[in-house]
Amino acid sequence: MSAFEKVCKLADIPDEGVIGVEVGETPVALVRKGDEVFALHDICSHAEVKLSEGEVYDGTLECWLHGSCFDIHTGKPTGPPATQPVNVYTVKIDGDDVLVSLSKES
């Protein structure tokens, strides 16, 4: 059984933008693309900085520090310097609410 936690309203996330939230004690970056929202671990696998302070473009989230980009669907880096993916999490939209599950069984 997976537990979803309400983290924000859809309108809180700018279209083609990103915000950082906490799910329990886990930092999560929420990326919005139209009516879809993607959730990634909010710490860069290369430099230990918040990805939610970066930019979204062309289906990726770019780390502001060294420019590593992560695919918003898979969490995999699309180029150096990062070589390790970040976790991605399951998102549900319930009306105007954005819910995230950290469970792998979602």
C-alpha atoms as a PDB file:
ATOM      1  CA  MET A   1       0.000   0.000   0.000  1.00  0.00           C
ATOM      2  CA  SER A   2       1.365   3.417  -0.952  1.00  0.00           C
ATOM      3  CA  ALA A   3       0.779   6.567   1.034  1.00  0.00           C
ATOM      4  CA  PHE A   4       0.242   9.797  -0.844  1.00  0.00           C
ATOM      5  CA  GLU A   5       0.820  13.097   0.929  1.00  0.00           C
ATOM      6  CA  LYS A   6      -0.698  16.391  -0.147  1.00  0.00           C
ATOM      7  CA  VAL A   7       2.208  18.768  -0.803  1.00  0.00           C
ATOM      8  CA  CYS A   8       0.746  21.820  -2.581  1.00  0.00           C
ATOM      9  CA  LYS A   9      -1.865  23.164  -4.978  1.00  0.00           C
ATOM     10  CA  LEU A  10      -1.308  22.755  -8.722  1.00  0.00           C
ATOM     11  CA  ALA A  11      -1.358  26.547  -9.097  1.00  0.00           C
ATOM     12  CA  ASP A  12       1.614  26.796  -6.686  1.00  0.00           C
ATOM     13  CA  ILE A  13       3.891  25.315  -9.359  1.00  0.00           C
ATOM     14  CA  PRO A  14       4.582  27.622 -12.313  1.00  0.00           C
ATOM     15  CA  ASP A  15       4.030  26.026 -15.721  1.00  0.00           C
ATOM     16  CA  GLU A  16       7.421  24.892 -17.064  1.00  0.00           C
ATOM     17  CA  GLY A  17       8.771  25.670 -13.584  1.00  0.00           C
ATOM     18  CA  VAL A  18       9.853  23.968 -10.379  1.00  0.00           C
ATOM     19  CA  ILE A  19       9.310  24.313  -6.633  1.00  0.00           C
ATOM     20  CA  GLY A  20      10.812  22.490  -3.684  1.00  0.00           C
ATOM     21  CA  VAL A  21       8.667  20.762  -1.050  1.00  0.00           C
ATOM     22  CA  GLU A  22       9.193  18.291   1.773  1.00  0.00           C
ATOM     23  CA  VAL A  23       7.471  14.910   1.955  1.00  0.00           C
ATOM     24  CA  GLY A  24       8.120  13.911   5.519  1.00  0.00           C
ATOM     25  CA  GLU A  25      11.827  14.652   5.788  1.00  0.00           C
ATOM     26  CA  THR A  26      12.541  14.001   2.100  1.00  0.00           C
ATOM     27  CA  PRO A  27      13.231  17.002  -0.144  1.00  0.00           C
ATOM     28  CA  VAL A  28      11.258  16.784  -3.402  1.00  0.00           C
ATOM     29  CA  ALA A  29      11.425  18.968  -6.517  1.00  0.00           C
ATOM     30  CA  LEU A  30       8.056  19.312  -8.285  1.00  0.00           C
ATOM     31  CA  VAL A  31       8.213  20.159 -11.984  1.00  0.00           C
ATOM     32  CA  ARG A  32       5.085  21.225 -13.846  1.00  0.00           C
ATOM     33  CA  LYS A  33       4.572  20.730 -17.560  1.00  0.00           C
ATOM     34  CA  GLY A  34       1.039  21.842 -18.433  1.00  0.00           C
ATOM     35  CA  ASP A  35      -1.334  19.754 -16.330  1.00  0.00           C
ATOM     36  CA  GLU A  36       1.337  17.153 -15.529  1.00  0.00           C
ATOM     37  CA  VAL A  37       3.562  17.243 -12.461  1.00  0.00           C
ATOM     38  CA  PHE A  38       6.762  15.262 -12.003  1.00  0.00           C
ATOM     39  CA  ALA A  39       8.523  14.653  -8.687  1.00  0.00           C
ATOM     40  CA  LEU A  40      12.269  14.142  -8.321  1.00  0.00           C
ATOM     41  CA  HIS A  41      14.569  13.958  -5.330  1.00  0.00           C
ATOM     42  CA  ASP A  42      15.552  17.573  -4.668  1.00  0.00           C
ATOM     43  CA  ILE A  43      19.270  16.974  -4.157  1.00  0.00           C
ATOM     44  CA  CYS A  44      21.640  16.799  -7.125  1.00  0.00           C
ATOM     45  CA  SER A  45      23.473  13.468  -7.266  1.00  0.00           C
ATOM     46  CA  HIS A  46      26.653  15.285  -8.252  1.00  0.00           C
ATOM     47  CA  ALA A  47      26.914  18.310  -5.962  1.00  0.00           C
ATOM     48  CA  GLU A  48      24.470  17.970  -3.033  1.00  0.00           C
ATOM     49  CA  VAL A  49      22.548  21.171  -3.857  1.00  0.00           C
ATOM     50  CA  LYS A  50      18.809  21.697  -4.354  1.00  0.00           C
ATOM     51  CA  LEU A  51      17.624  20.948  -7.872  1.00  0.00           C
ATOM     52  CA  SER A  52      14.513  23.061  -7.224  1.00  0.00           C
ATOM     53  CA  GLU A  53      16.740  26.141  -7.439  1.00  0.00           C
ATOM     54  CA  GLY A  54      17.559  25.244 -11.054  1.00  0.00           C
ATOM     55  CA  GLU A  55      15.806  25.700 -14.387  1.00  0.00           C
ATOM     56  CA  VAL A  56      13.385  23.509 -16.343  1.00  0.00           C
ATOM     57  CA  TYR A  57      13.774  23.108 -20.089  1.00  0.00           C
ATOM     58  CA  ASP A  58      13.190  20.505 -22.771  1.00  0.00           C
ATOM     59  CA  GLY A  59      11.979  17.838 -20.330  1.00  0.00           C
ATOM     60  CA  THR A  60      14.917  18.238 -17.958  1.00  0.00           C
ATOM     61  CA  LEU A  61      15.673  19.890 -14.638  1.00  0.00           C
ATOM     62  CA  GLU A  62      19.063  21.607 -14.615  1.00  0.00           C
ATOM     63  CA  CYS A  63      21.169  21.896 -11.471  1.00  0.00           C
ATOM     64  CA  TRP A  64      22.130  25.535 -11.034  1.00  0.00           C
ATOM     65  CA  LEU A  65      25.631  24.815  -9.725  1.00  0.00           C
ATOM     66  CA  HIS A  66      27.383  22.797 -12.453  1.00  0.00           C
ATOM     67  CA  GLY A  67      24.687  22.409 -15.102  1.00  0.00           C
ATOM     68  CA  SER A  68      23.867  18.719 -14.685  1.00  0.00           C
ATOM     69  CA  CYS A  69      20.469  18.013 -16.265  1.00  0.00           C
ATOM     70  CA  PHE A  70      18.089  15.290 -15.107  1.00  0.00           C
ATOM     71  CA  ASP A  71      15.247  13.826 -17.166  1.00  0.00           C
ATOM     72  CA  ILE A  72      12.018  14.738 -15.339  1.00  0.00           C
ATOM     73  CA  HIS A  73      10.445  11.363 -16.248  1.00  0.00           C
ATOM     74  CA  THR A  74      13.283   9.042 -15.223  1.00  0.00           C
ATOM     75  CA  GLY A  75      15.647  11.062 -13.012  1.00  0.00           C
ATOM     76  CA  LYS A  76      18.567   9.980 -15.200  1.00  0.00           C
ATOM     77  CA  PRO A  77      21.266  12.537 -15.972  1.00  0.00           C
ATOM     78  CA  THR A  78      21.301  13.600 -19.618  1.00  0.00           C
ATOM     79  CA  GLY A  79      24.950  14.683 -19.535  1.00  0.00           C
ATOM     80  CA  PRO A  80      27.914  15.375 -17.270  1.00  0.00           C
ATOM     81  CA  PRO A  81      29.028  16.143 -14.716  1.00  0.00           C
ATOM     82  CA  ALA A  82      26.345  14.018 -12.953  1.00  0.00           C
ATOM     83  CA  THR A  83      26.550  10.287 -13.661  1.00  0.00           C
ATOM     84  CA  GLN A  84      24.047   8.950 -11.098  1.00  0.00           C
ATOM     85  CA  PRO A  85      20.253   9.383 -11.397  1.00  0.00           C
ATOM     86  CA  VAL A  86      18.056  10.983  -8.755  1.00  0.00           C
ATOM     87  CA  ASN A  87      14.970   9.200  -7.439  1.00  0.00           C
ATOM     88  CA  VAL A  88      11.638   9.942  -9.052  1.00  0.00           C
ATOM     89  CA  TYR A  89       8.372   9.689  -7.146  1.00  0.00           C
ATOM     90  CA  THR A  90       4.752   9.032  -8.060  1.00  0.00           C
ATOM     91  CA  VAL A  91       2.456  12.058  -8.345  1.00  0.00           C
ATOM     92  CA  LYS A  92      -1.338  12.190  -8.290  1.00  0.00           C
ATOM     93  CA  ILE A  93      -3.484  15.228  -8.994  1.00  0.00           C
ATOM     94  CA  ASP A  94      -6.716  15.287  -6.975  1.00  0.00           C
ATOM     95  CA  GLY A  95      -8.748  18.296  -8.073  1.00  0.00           C
ATOM     96  CA  ASP A  96      -6.362  21.182  -7.401  1.00  0.00           C
ATOM     97  CA  ASP A  97      -4.205  19.226  -4.943  1.00  0.00           C
ATOM     98  CA  VAL A  98      -0.826  17.700  -5.788  1.00  0.00           C
ATOM     99  CA  LEU A  99      -0.055  14.494  -3.895  1.00  0.00           C
ATOM    100  CA  VAL A 100       3.278  12.641  -3.833  1.00  0.00           C
ATOM    101  CA  SER A 101       4.149   9.111  -2.756  1.00  0.00           C
ATOM    102  CA  LEU A 102       7.712   8.158  -1.891  1.00  0.00           C
ATOM    103  CA  SER A 103       6.801   4.460  -2.020  1.00  0.00           C
ATOM    104  CA  LYS A 104       8.276   2.337  -4.794  1.00  0.00           C
ATOM    105  CA  GLU A 105       4.992   0.370  -4.847  1.00  0.00           C
ATOM    106  CA  SER A 106       2.821   3.264  -6.084  1.00  0.00           C
END
